[in-house]
N, C-alpha and C. Protein backbone atom coordinates (compact mmCIF):
# COMPACT_ATOMS: atom_id res chain seq x y z
N MET A 1 33.54 11.67 11.19
CA MET A 1 33.13 12.41 10.00
C MET A 1 31.65 12.12 9.75
N ASN A 2 30.86 13.16 9.57
CA ASN A 2 29.43 12.92 9.39
C ASN A 2 29.13 12.37 7.98
N GLN A 3 27.94 11.82 7.83
CA GLN A 3 27.58 11.12 6.59
C GLN A 3 27.55 12.06 5.38
N GLU A 4 27.07 13.28 5.59
CA GLU A 4 27.00 14.25 4.48
C GLU A 4 28.40 14.60 3.98
N THR A 5 29.33 14.78 4.92
CA THR A 5 30.72 15.08 4.55
C THR A 5 31.33 13.89 3.82
N ARG A 6 31.11 12.69 4.36
CA ARG A 6 31.64 11.47 3.74
C ARG A 6 31.12 11.34 2.30
N LYS A 7 29.83 11.61 2.12
CA LYS A 7 29.22 11.52 0.79
C LYS A 7 29.82 12.57 -0.16
N THR A 8 29.97 13.79 0.33
CA THR A 8 30.51 14.88 -0.50
C THR A 8 31.95 14.59 -0.90
N ILE A 9 32.77 14.14 0.05
CA ILE A 9 34.15 13.78 -0.27
C ILE A 9 34.17 12.64 -1.27
N GLY A 10 33.30 11.65 -1.06
CA GLY A 10 33.23 10.51 -1.97
C GLY A 10 32.91 10.90 -3.41
N MET A 11 32.11 11.95 -3.58
CA MET A 11 31.73 12.40 -4.93
C MET A 11 32.94 12.94 -5.70
N PHE A 12 33.94 13.46 -4.98
CA PHE A 12 35.07 14.12 -5.64
C PHE A 12 36.41 13.46 -5.34
N SER A 13 36.38 12.27 -4.75
CA SER A 13 37.61 11.57 -4.39
C SER A 13 38.30 11.02 -5.64
N PRO A 14 39.64 10.94 -5.71
CA PRO A 14 40.54 11.40 -4.65
C PRO A 14 40.64 12.92 -4.63
N MET A 15 40.89 13.45 -3.46
CA MET A 15 41.00 14.89 -3.31
C MET A 15 42.21 15.43 -4.08
N TRP A 16 42.13 16.68 -4.45
CA TRP A 16 43.20 17.28 -5.25
C TRP A 16 44.50 17.37 -4.48
N THR A 17 45.60 17.27 -5.22
CA THR A 17 46.93 17.48 -4.65
C THR A 17 47.25 18.97 -4.68
N ASN A 18 48.31 19.35 -3.97
CA ASN A 18 48.74 20.75 -4.01
C ASN A 18 49.13 21.16 -5.42
N LYS A 19 49.67 20.22 -6.19
CA LYS A 19 50.04 20.54 -7.57
C LYS A 19 48.79 20.87 -8.39
N GLN A 20 47.73 20.09 -8.21
CA GLN A 20 46.50 20.37 -8.94
C GLN A 20 45.91 21.72 -8.53
N VAL A 21 45.96 22.03 -7.24
CA VAL A 21 45.46 23.32 -6.76
C VAL A 21 46.27 24.44 -7.40
N TRP A 22 47.59 24.30 -7.38
CA TRP A 22 48.48 25.31 -7.95
C TRP A 22 48.20 25.48 -9.45
N GLU A 23 48.09 24.37 -10.18
CA GLU A 23 47.82 24.45 -11.62
C GLU A 23 46.48 25.11 -11.90
N PHE A 24 45.48 24.80 -11.10
CA PHE A 24 44.15 25.40 -11.27
C PHE A 24 44.22 26.91 -11.05
N GLU A 25 44.98 27.32 -10.04
CA GLU A 25 45.12 28.75 -9.78
C GLU A 25 45.90 29.45 -10.88
N GLN A 26 46.85 28.75 -11.50
CA GLN A 26 47.61 29.36 -12.60
C GLN A 26 46.74 29.58 -13.83
N THR A 27 45.84 28.64 -14.11
CA THR A 27 44.99 28.75 -15.30
C THR A 27 43.70 29.51 -15.03
N ASN A 28 43.41 29.80 -13.78
CA ASN A 28 42.21 30.56 -13.40
C ASN A 28 42.64 31.69 -12.47
N GLU A 29 43.34 32.65 -13.03
CA GLU A 29 43.86 33.75 -12.22
C GLU A 29 42.72 34.58 -11.62
N ASN A 30 43.03 35.20 -10.50
CA ASN A 30 42.06 36.06 -9.80
C ASN A 30 40.76 35.32 -9.48
N LEU A 31 40.90 34.11 -8.95
CA LEU A 31 39.71 33.33 -8.56
C LEU A 31 38.98 34.04 -7.44
N GLU A 32 37.74 34.38 -7.67
CA GLU A 32 36.95 35.05 -6.65
C GLU A 32 35.60 34.37 -6.54
N PHE A 33 35.06 34.42 -5.33
CA PHE A 33 33.78 33.77 -5.05
C PHE A 33 32.90 34.72 -4.26
N ASP A 34 31.61 34.44 -4.26
CA ASP A 34 30.70 35.12 -3.35
C ASP A 34 30.58 34.22 -2.13
N ILE A 35 30.90 34.77 -0.97
CA ILE A 35 31.00 34.00 0.27
C ILE A 35 30.15 34.70 1.33
N VAL A 36 29.44 33.91 2.11
CA VAL A 36 28.65 34.50 3.19
C VAL A 36 28.64 33.55 4.39
N TYR A 37 28.71 34.13 5.57
CA TYR A 37 28.58 33.37 6.82
C TYR A 37 27.12 33.42 7.25
N VAL A 38 26.60 32.26 7.62
CA VAL A 38 25.20 32.16 8.01
C VAL A 38 25.09 31.25 9.22
N LYS A 39 24.20 31.58 10.15
CA LYS A 39 23.92 30.67 11.26
C LYS A 39 23.18 29.45 10.70
N PRO A 40 23.42 28.28 11.28
CA PRO A 40 22.75 27.06 10.77
C PRO A 40 21.24 27.26 10.65
N ASN A 41 20.69 26.79 9.53
CA ASN A 41 19.25 26.81 9.24
C ASN A 41 18.68 28.23 9.09
N GLU A 42 19.54 29.21 8.82
CA GLU A 42 19.03 30.58 8.68
C GLU A 42 19.37 31.21 7.33
N PHE A 43 19.75 30.39 6.34
CA PHE A 43 20.08 30.96 5.03
C PHE A 43 18.82 31.49 4.35
N GLN A 44 18.90 32.75 3.92
CA GLN A 44 17.84 33.38 3.12
C GLN A 44 18.55 34.29 2.13
N GLU A 45 17.84 34.68 1.10
CA GLU A 45 18.43 35.53 0.06
C GLU A 45 18.99 36.84 0.63
N LYS A 46 18.37 37.36 1.67
CA LYS A 46 18.80 38.65 2.23
C LYS A 46 20.19 38.59 2.89
N VAL A 47 20.71 37.39 3.16
CA VAL A 47 22.04 37.30 3.80
C VAL A 47 23.12 37.93 2.93
N TRP A 48 22.88 37.99 1.62
CA TRP A 48 23.88 38.55 0.71
C TRP A 48 24.04 40.05 0.90
N LYS A 49 23.12 40.67 1.61
CA LYS A 49 23.22 42.11 1.88
C LYS A 49 23.74 42.37 3.30
N SER A 50 24.11 41.32 4.02
CA SER A 50 24.56 41.49 5.41
C SER A 50 26.05 41.80 5.47
N LYS A 51 26.50 42.18 6.65
CA LYS A 51 27.94 42.46 6.85
C LYS A 51 28.77 41.19 6.83
N LEU A 52 28.12 40.02 6.85
CA LEU A 52 28.83 38.74 6.81
C LEU A 52 28.96 38.21 5.39
N ALA A 53 28.61 39.02 4.40
CA ALA A 53 28.75 38.64 3.00
C ALA A 53 30.02 39.25 2.43
N PHE A 54 30.75 38.45 1.69
CA PHE A 54 31.99 38.90 1.06
C PHE A 54 31.88 38.59 -0.43
N ILE A 55 31.49 39.60 -1.19
CA ILE A 55 31.24 39.43 -2.62
C ILE A 55 32.57 39.60 -3.38
N ASN A 56 32.74 38.78 -4.41
CA ASN A 56 33.96 38.82 -5.25
C ASN A 56 35.22 38.75 -4.38
N SER A 57 35.34 37.70 -3.61
CA SER A 57 36.42 37.59 -2.64
C SER A 57 37.29 36.36 -2.86
N ASP A 58 38.51 36.46 -2.32
CA ASP A 58 39.45 35.35 -2.35
C ASP A 58 39.13 34.44 -1.16
N ILE A 59 38.96 33.15 -1.42
CA ILE A 59 38.53 32.21 -0.39
C ILE A 59 39.54 32.10 0.76
N ARG A 60 40.83 32.07 0.43
CA ARG A 60 41.84 31.96 1.49
C ARG A 60 41.83 33.21 2.38
N ASP A 61 41.84 34.35 1.72
CA ASP A 61 41.89 35.62 2.44
C ASP A 61 40.70 35.77 3.39
N VAL A 62 39.50 35.50 2.88
CA VAL A 62 38.30 35.64 3.71
C VAL A 62 38.32 34.65 4.86
N THR A 63 38.66 33.39 4.58
CA THR A 63 38.63 32.36 5.62
C THR A 63 39.61 32.67 6.74
N ILE A 64 40.81 33.10 6.38
CA ILE A 64 41.83 33.38 7.39
C ILE A 64 41.44 34.61 8.22
N LYS A 65 40.96 35.65 7.56
CA LYS A 65 40.64 36.89 8.27
C LYS A 65 39.36 36.78 9.11
N THR A 66 38.48 35.86 8.73
CA THR A 66 37.18 35.79 9.40
C THR A 66 36.97 34.44 10.09
N PHE A 67 38.06 33.77 10.43
CA PHE A 67 37.98 32.43 11.01
C PHE A 67 37.10 32.39 12.26
N ASP A 68 37.06 33.47 13.00
CA ASP A 68 36.26 33.49 14.24
C ASP A 68 34.79 33.16 13.98
N TYR A 69 34.27 33.54 12.81
CA TYR A 69 32.87 33.21 12.51
C TYR A 69 32.68 31.69 12.43
N LEU A 70 33.61 31.02 11.75
CA LEU A 70 33.53 29.55 11.69
C LEU A 70 33.62 28.96 13.10
N ASN A 71 34.53 29.51 13.88
CA ASN A 71 34.72 29.03 15.24
C ASN A 71 33.49 29.27 16.12
N ASP A 72 32.70 30.29 15.76
CA ASP A 72 31.47 30.60 16.49
C ASP A 72 30.26 29.85 15.91
N ARG A 73 30.55 28.79 15.14
CA ARG A 73 29.53 27.88 14.60
C ARG A 73 28.72 28.43 13.43
N TYR A 74 29.20 29.47 12.78
CA TYR A 74 28.57 29.90 11.55
C TYR A 74 28.97 28.93 10.44
N GLU A 75 28.14 28.86 9.39
CA GLU A 75 28.46 28.07 8.21
C GLU A 75 28.95 29.02 7.12
N LEU A 76 29.88 28.55 6.33
CA LEU A 76 30.42 29.33 5.22
C LEU A 76 29.76 28.83 3.93
N TRP A 77 28.99 29.68 3.28
CA TRP A 77 28.30 29.34 2.03
C TRP A 77 29.09 29.96 0.89
N ILE A 78 29.41 29.16 -0.13
CA ILE A 78 30.26 29.62 -1.23
C ILE A 78 29.55 29.42 -2.56
N ALA A 79 29.60 30.47 -3.39
CA ALA A 79 29.03 30.42 -4.74
C ALA A 79 30.02 31.05 -5.72
N ASN A 80 29.85 30.72 -6.99
CA ASN A 80 30.62 31.41 -8.02
C ASN A 80 30.27 32.89 -7.99
N LYS A 81 31.22 33.71 -8.34
CA LYS A 81 31.03 35.16 -8.34
C LYS A 81 29.81 35.54 -9.20
N ASN A 82 28.90 36.30 -8.61
CA ASN A 82 27.71 36.83 -9.29
C ASN A 82 26.75 35.77 -9.80
N GLN A 83 26.79 34.55 -9.27
CA GLN A 83 25.92 33.49 -9.81
C GLN A 83 24.95 32.89 -8.81
N LYS A 84 25.16 33.08 -7.53
CA LYS A 84 24.31 32.52 -6.48
C LYS A 84 24.18 30.99 -6.59
N LYS A 85 25.20 30.38 -7.15
CA LYS A 85 25.32 28.92 -7.17
C LYS A 85 26.78 28.61 -7.48
N LEU A 86 27.17 27.36 -7.22
CA LEU A 86 28.57 26.97 -7.41
C LEU A 86 28.67 25.90 -8.48
N ASP A 87 29.57 26.12 -9.42
CA ASP A 87 29.86 25.14 -10.46
C ASP A 87 30.57 23.95 -9.81
N GLU A 88 30.08 22.74 -10.03
CA GLU A 88 30.65 21.56 -9.37
C GLU A 88 32.13 21.35 -9.68
N LYS A 89 32.60 21.80 -10.83
CA LYS A 89 34.02 21.57 -11.16
C LYS A 89 34.96 22.36 -10.23
N ILE A 90 34.43 23.35 -9.52
CA ILE A 90 35.22 24.16 -8.58
C ILE A 90 35.32 23.49 -7.21
N VAL A 91 34.39 22.58 -6.92
CA VAL A 91 34.28 22.00 -5.57
C VAL A 91 35.57 21.32 -5.11
N PRO A 92 36.22 20.45 -5.91
CA PRO A 92 37.45 19.81 -5.42
C PRO A 92 38.53 20.83 -5.06
N TYR A 93 38.61 21.91 -5.83
CA TYR A 93 39.57 22.97 -5.53
C TYR A 93 39.27 23.57 -4.15
N LEU A 94 38.01 23.95 -3.93
CA LEU A 94 37.64 24.59 -2.67
C LEU A 94 37.83 23.66 -1.47
N MET A 95 37.50 22.39 -1.63
CA MET A 95 37.67 21.45 -0.53
C MET A 95 39.14 21.29 -0.17
N ALA A 96 40.01 21.20 -1.18
CA ALA A 96 41.44 21.06 -0.92
C ALA A 96 42.00 22.31 -0.26
N VAL A 97 41.59 23.48 -0.74
CA VAL A 97 42.07 24.74 -0.17
C VAL A 97 41.62 24.88 1.28
N MET A 98 40.36 24.58 1.55
CA MET A 98 39.85 24.72 2.91
C MET A 98 40.52 23.73 3.86
N ALA A 99 40.73 22.49 3.41
CA ALA A 99 41.42 21.51 4.26
C ALA A 99 42.85 21.96 4.52
N ASP A 100 43.49 22.53 3.50
CA ASP A 100 44.87 23.01 3.64
C ASP A 100 44.96 24.14 4.67
N ILE A 101 43.97 25.04 4.66
CA ILE A 101 43.94 26.14 5.62
C ILE A 101 43.82 25.60 7.04
N MET A 102 43.03 24.55 7.21
CA MET A 102 42.72 24.03 8.54
C MET A 102 43.74 23.02 9.06
N ILE A 103 44.60 22.51 8.21
CA ILE A 103 45.43 21.37 8.60
C ILE A 103 46.40 21.69 9.73
N ASP A 104 46.96 22.89 9.75
CA ASP A 104 47.91 23.23 10.81
C ASP A 104 47.24 23.24 12.19
N GLU A 105 45.98 23.62 12.20
CA GLU A 105 45.24 23.66 13.46
C GLU A 105 44.57 22.33 13.76
N GLU A 106 44.67 21.39 12.82
CA GLU A 106 44.02 20.07 12.95
C GLU A 106 42.53 20.23 13.21
N ILE A 107 41.91 21.10 12.42
CA ILE A 107 40.47 21.34 12.53
C ILE A 107 39.77 20.62 11.40
N CYS A 108 38.84 19.74 11.75
CA CYS A 108 38.09 18.98 10.76
C CYS A 108 36.88 19.79 10.31
N LEU A 109 36.52 19.59 9.07
CA LEU A 109 35.42 20.35 8.48
C LEU A 109 34.27 19.44 8.10
N ASN A 110 33.09 20.04 8.00
CA ASN A 110 31.93 19.39 7.40
C ASN A 110 31.71 20.04 6.04
N PHE A 111 31.42 19.23 5.03
CA PHE A 111 31.10 19.72 3.69
C PHE A 111 29.71 19.21 3.32
N ARG A 112 28.93 20.06 2.65
CA ARG A 112 27.66 19.59 2.09
C ARG A 112 27.23 20.54 0.98
N PHE A 113 26.29 20.07 0.17
CA PHE A 113 25.68 20.91 -0.86
C PHE A 113 24.28 21.27 -0.39
N GLU A 114 23.92 22.52 -0.59
CA GLU A 114 22.57 22.95 -0.30
C GLU A 114 22.23 24.10 -1.23
N ASN A 115 21.11 24.01 -1.90
CA ASN A 115 20.65 25.05 -2.83
C ASN A 115 21.74 25.46 -3.82
N GLU A 116 22.52 24.48 -4.29
CA GLU A 116 23.61 24.70 -5.26
C GLU A 116 24.78 25.50 -4.71
N PHE A 117 24.93 25.54 -3.39
CA PHE A 117 26.09 26.15 -2.74
C PHE A 117 26.90 25.04 -2.10
N LEU A 118 28.20 25.28 -1.94
CA LEU A 118 29.01 24.43 -1.07
C LEU A 118 28.96 25.07 0.30
N VAL A 119 28.58 24.29 1.31
CA VAL A 119 28.45 24.80 2.67
C VAL A 119 29.51 24.11 3.53
N ILE A 120 30.29 24.93 4.23
CA ILE A 120 31.41 24.41 5.04
C ILE A 120 31.24 24.89 6.47
N SER A 121 31.49 23.99 7.40
CA SER A 121 31.47 24.35 8.82
C SER A 121 32.52 23.52 9.54
N ILE A 122 32.86 23.96 10.74
CA ILE A 122 33.78 23.19 11.57
C ILE A 122 33.00 22.04 12.19
N ASP A 123 33.61 20.87 12.17
CA ASP A 123 32.99 19.70 12.79
C ASP A 123 33.27 19.75 14.30
N MET A 124 32.34 20.34 15.03
CA MET A 124 32.50 20.52 16.47
C MET A 124 32.42 19.20 17.24
N ASN A 125 31.88 18.17 16.61
CA ASN A 125 31.71 16.88 17.29
C ASN A 125 32.84 15.90 16.98
N ALA A 126 33.82 16.35 16.20
CA ALA A 126 34.88 15.44 15.77
C ALA A 126 35.78 15.06 16.93
N ASP A 127 36.08 13.77 17.01
CA ASP A 127 37.08 13.32 17.97
C ASP A 127 38.37 13.01 17.21
N VAL A 128 39.35 12.46 17.89
CA VAL A 128 40.64 12.20 17.25
C VAL A 128 40.49 11.25 16.06
N ILE A 129 39.64 10.25 16.19
CA ILE A 129 39.44 9.28 15.11
C ILE A 129 38.77 9.95 13.91
N ASP A 130 37.76 10.80 14.18
CA ASP A 130 37.09 11.53 13.09
C ASP A 130 38.09 12.40 12.33
N CYS A 131 38.94 13.11 13.08
CA CYS A 131 39.92 14.00 12.44
C CYS A 131 40.93 13.20 11.62
N LYS A 132 41.36 12.09 12.15
CA LYS A 132 42.29 11.24 11.40
C LYS A 132 41.64 10.77 10.11
N GLU A 133 40.39 10.34 10.21
CA GLU A 133 39.65 9.88 9.04
C GLU A 133 39.48 11.01 8.03
N PHE A 134 39.16 12.22 8.52
CA PHE A 134 38.97 13.37 7.63
C PHE A 134 40.27 13.70 6.89
N PHE A 135 41.36 13.84 7.62
CA PHE A 135 42.61 14.26 6.98
C PHE A 135 43.24 13.16 6.13
N GLU A 136 42.90 11.90 6.41
CA GLU A 136 43.38 10.83 5.53
C GLU A 136 42.80 10.97 4.13
N GLU A 137 41.61 11.57 4.02
CA GLU A 137 41.03 11.83 2.70
C GLU A 137 41.84 12.90 1.96
N PHE A 138 42.55 13.71 2.71
CA PHE A 138 43.37 14.77 2.14
C PHE A 138 44.84 14.41 2.34
N TYR A 139 45.19 13.17 1.99
CA TYR A 139 46.55 12.65 2.22
C TYR A 139 47.61 13.47 1.51
N HIS A 140 47.23 14.21 0.49
CA HIS A 140 48.19 15.04 -0.22
C HIS A 140 48.61 16.25 0.59
N LEU A 141 47.87 16.57 1.64
CA LEU A 141 48.18 17.75 2.43
C LEU A 141 48.92 17.41 3.73
N ALA A 142 48.93 16.14 4.09
CA ALA A 142 49.57 15.73 5.34
C ALA A 142 50.16 14.35 5.19
N THR A 143 51.19 14.09 5.96
CA THR A 143 51.82 12.77 5.88
C THR A 143 51.08 11.75 6.71
N GLY A 144 50.12 12.17 7.49
CA GLY A 144 49.32 11.23 8.25
C GLY A 144 49.92 10.84 9.58
N PHE A 145 50.98 11.50 10.03
CA PHE A 145 51.54 11.18 11.34
C PHE A 145 50.48 11.43 12.41
N ASN A 146 50.38 10.52 13.34
CA ASN A 146 49.47 10.69 14.45
C ASN A 146 50.31 11.11 15.66
N TYR A 147 50.22 12.38 16.01
CA TYR A 147 51.07 12.92 17.07
C TYR A 147 50.58 12.55 18.47
N ASP A 148 49.41 11.93 18.57
CA ASP A 148 48.89 11.55 19.88
C ASP A 148 49.45 10.23 20.39
N ILE A 149 50.18 9.53 19.55
CA ILE A 149 50.75 8.25 19.98
C ILE A 149 52.26 8.29 19.80
N ASP A 150 52.94 7.35 20.42
CA ASP A 150 54.39 7.28 20.29
C ASP A 150 54.73 6.82 18.88
N THR A 151 55.35 7.69 18.10
CA THR A 151 55.66 7.37 16.70
C THR A 151 56.99 6.67 16.56
N GLY A 152 57.74 6.56 17.65
CA GLY A 152 59.05 5.91 17.56
C GLY A 152 60.13 6.83 17.05
N ILE A 153 59.88 8.15 17.05
CA ILE A 153 60.89 9.10 16.58
C ILE A 153 62.02 9.15 17.61
N PRO A 154 63.26 8.95 17.17
CA PRO A 154 64.40 8.96 18.11
C PRO A 154 64.54 10.29 18.84
N GLU A 155 65.06 10.24 20.05
CA GLU A 155 65.29 11.43 20.86
C GLU A 155 66.41 12.29 20.30
N ASP A 156 67.47 11.64 19.79
CA ASP A 156 68.61 12.37 19.24
C ASP A 156 68.17 13.14 17.99
N GLN A 157 68.53 14.43 17.92
CA GLN A 157 68.06 15.27 16.83
C GLN A 157 68.52 14.78 15.45
N THR A 158 69.78 14.40 15.33
CA THR A 158 70.30 13.93 14.05
C THR A 158 69.59 12.65 13.61
N GLU A 159 69.46 11.71 14.56
CA GLU A 159 68.76 10.46 14.24
C GLU A 159 67.30 10.72 13.89
N ALA A 160 66.68 11.67 14.59
CA ALA A 160 65.28 12.01 14.31
C ALA A 160 65.13 12.57 12.90
N GLU A 161 66.06 13.45 12.49
CA GLU A 161 66.01 14.02 11.15
C GLU A 161 66.15 12.94 10.08
N ILE A 162 67.08 12.01 10.29
CA ILE A 162 67.28 10.90 9.36
C ILE A 162 66.00 10.06 9.28
N TYR A 163 65.45 9.76 10.46
CA TYR A 163 64.23 8.94 10.54
C TYR A 163 63.07 9.61 9.81
N LEU A 164 62.86 10.91 10.08
CA LEU A 164 61.75 11.62 9.45
C LEU A 164 61.95 11.80 7.96
N THR A 165 63.19 12.01 7.54
CA THR A 165 63.49 12.11 6.10
C THR A 165 63.14 10.80 5.41
N ARG A 166 63.52 9.68 6.04
CA ARG A 166 63.21 8.37 5.46
C ARG A 166 61.70 8.15 5.37
N LEU A 167 60.97 8.54 6.44
CA LEU A 167 59.51 8.41 6.41
C LEU A 167 58.90 9.26 5.30
N GLN A 168 59.42 10.50 5.14
CA GLN A 168 58.90 11.38 4.09
C GLN A 168 59.17 10.78 2.71
N GLU A 169 60.36 10.21 2.52
CA GLU A 169 60.69 9.59 1.23
C GLU A 169 59.79 8.40 0.95
N GLU A 170 59.54 7.58 1.98
CA GLU A 170 58.63 6.44 1.80
C GLU A 170 57.23 6.93 1.45
N PHE A 171 56.79 7.98 2.14
CA PHE A 171 55.47 8.54 1.87
C PHE A 171 55.42 9.09 0.43
N ASP A 172 56.47 9.82 0.04
CA ASP A 172 56.52 10.37 -1.32
C ASP A 172 56.46 9.25 -2.36
N ASP A 173 57.20 8.17 -2.12
CA ASP A 173 57.19 7.04 -3.06
C ASP A 173 55.79 6.44 -3.16
N LYS A 174 55.15 6.28 -2.01
CA LYS A 174 53.79 5.71 -1.99
C LYS A 174 52.81 6.60 -2.75
N MET A 175 52.90 7.90 -2.52
CA MET A 175 52.00 8.83 -3.19
C MET A 175 52.31 8.94 -4.69
N LYS A 176 53.58 8.86 -5.04
CA LYS A 176 53.98 8.91 -6.45
C LYS A 176 53.38 7.71 -7.19
N LEU A 177 53.41 6.53 -6.55
CA LEU A 177 52.81 5.35 -7.15
C LEU A 177 51.30 5.53 -7.31
N ARG A 178 50.69 6.13 -6.31
CA ARG A 178 49.24 6.29 -6.32
C ARG A 178 48.77 7.40 -7.25
N LEU A 179 49.53 8.50 -7.30
CA LEU A 179 49.07 9.70 -8.01
C LEU A 179 49.89 10.06 -9.25
N GLY A 180 51.02 9.40 -9.44
CA GLY A 180 51.86 9.73 -10.60
C GLY A 180 52.40 11.14 -10.52
N ASP A 181 52.44 11.83 -11.66
CA ASP A 181 53.04 13.17 -11.66
C ASP A 181 52.13 14.26 -11.08
N LYS A 182 50.96 13.87 -10.58
CA LYS A 182 50.11 14.84 -9.87
C LYS A 182 50.70 15.18 -8.50
N TYR A 183 51.53 14.26 -7.98
CA TYR A 183 52.09 14.45 -6.64
C TYR A 183 53.48 15.07 -6.73
N LEU A 184 53.73 16.04 -5.88
CA LEU A 184 55.04 16.66 -5.80
C LEU A 184 55.72 16.23 -4.51
N PRO A 185 56.95 15.71 -4.57
CA PRO A 185 57.65 15.24 -3.37
C PRO A 185 57.68 16.31 -2.28
N GLY A 186 57.46 15.86 -1.05
CA GLY A 186 57.48 16.79 0.08
C GLY A 186 56.27 17.68 0.13
N ASN A 187 55.29 17.40 -0.76
CA ASN A 187 54.04 18.17 -0.79
C ASN A 187 54.29 19.66 -1.02
N ASN A 188 55.18 19.97 -1.95
CA ASN A 188 55.44 21.36 -2.32
C ASN A 188 54.65 21.71 -3.56
N ASP A 189 54.49 23.01 -3.80
CA ASP A 189 53.93 23.43 -5.08
C ASP A 189 55.10 23.77 -6.00
N PRO A 190 54.87 23.84 -7.32
CA PRO A 190 55.99 24.09 -8.24
C PRO A 190 56.77 25.37 -7.94
N ASP A 191 56.11 26.42 -7.48
CA ASP A 191 56.83 27.65 -7.14
C ASP A 191 57.84 27.42 -6.03
N THR A 192 57.44 26.67 -5.01
CA THR A 192 58.34 26.37 -3.89
C THR A 192 59.51 25.53 -4.35
N LEU A 193 59.24 24.50 -5.15
CA LEU A 193 60.31 23.64 -5.64
C LEU A 193 61.30 24.41 -6.49
N ASN A 194 60.79 25.29 -7.36
CA ASN A 194 61.67 26.04 -8.26
C ASN A 194 62.49 27.10 -7.54
N SER A 195 62.03 27.54 -6.36
CA SER A 195 62.77 28.57 -5.64
C SER A 195 63.93 27.99 -4.82
N LYS A 196 63.95 26.66 -4.68
CA LYS A 196 65.01 26.03 -3.87
C LYS A 196 66.32 25.95 -4.64
């Protein structure tokens, strides 16, 4: 994890839980941002008029649909809608959402502030240790299993389910102690829990 990312995460640590993200979205309906993809060191005011600018957009929708730009080493610059700057109170929300989008692919991100924007890029230099370190900061989004090593999961399916359930319960207990009612068991949001 690079120093700028470490510093940015440190400013807003601990990172938000899924429950906090969900609650924020409930109280701030129709969250939209001005988002633009820019090549490194090429940000200028005119980028907002380019085809890589997404004005008044949903961060999840844009990131998922345009992921190839991030993969092609573009940076994602995010500002509050119509403000050309980002309110700092939004930053923990955006960092948690972006990490959540990337977690399934195990893609580590770089975060930094520049000209009052949050700038996000894929950490192309990250190794396994960097990724582990990055996602440990977002412990609310992952249980922290390291799939590159032998975890001791039994071969038998029934035994494996029992083993993994016990690990999840231990993890939930640990997070409940650390985060209190901010943490939801199994890392669900309230809508998911209520639908069960």
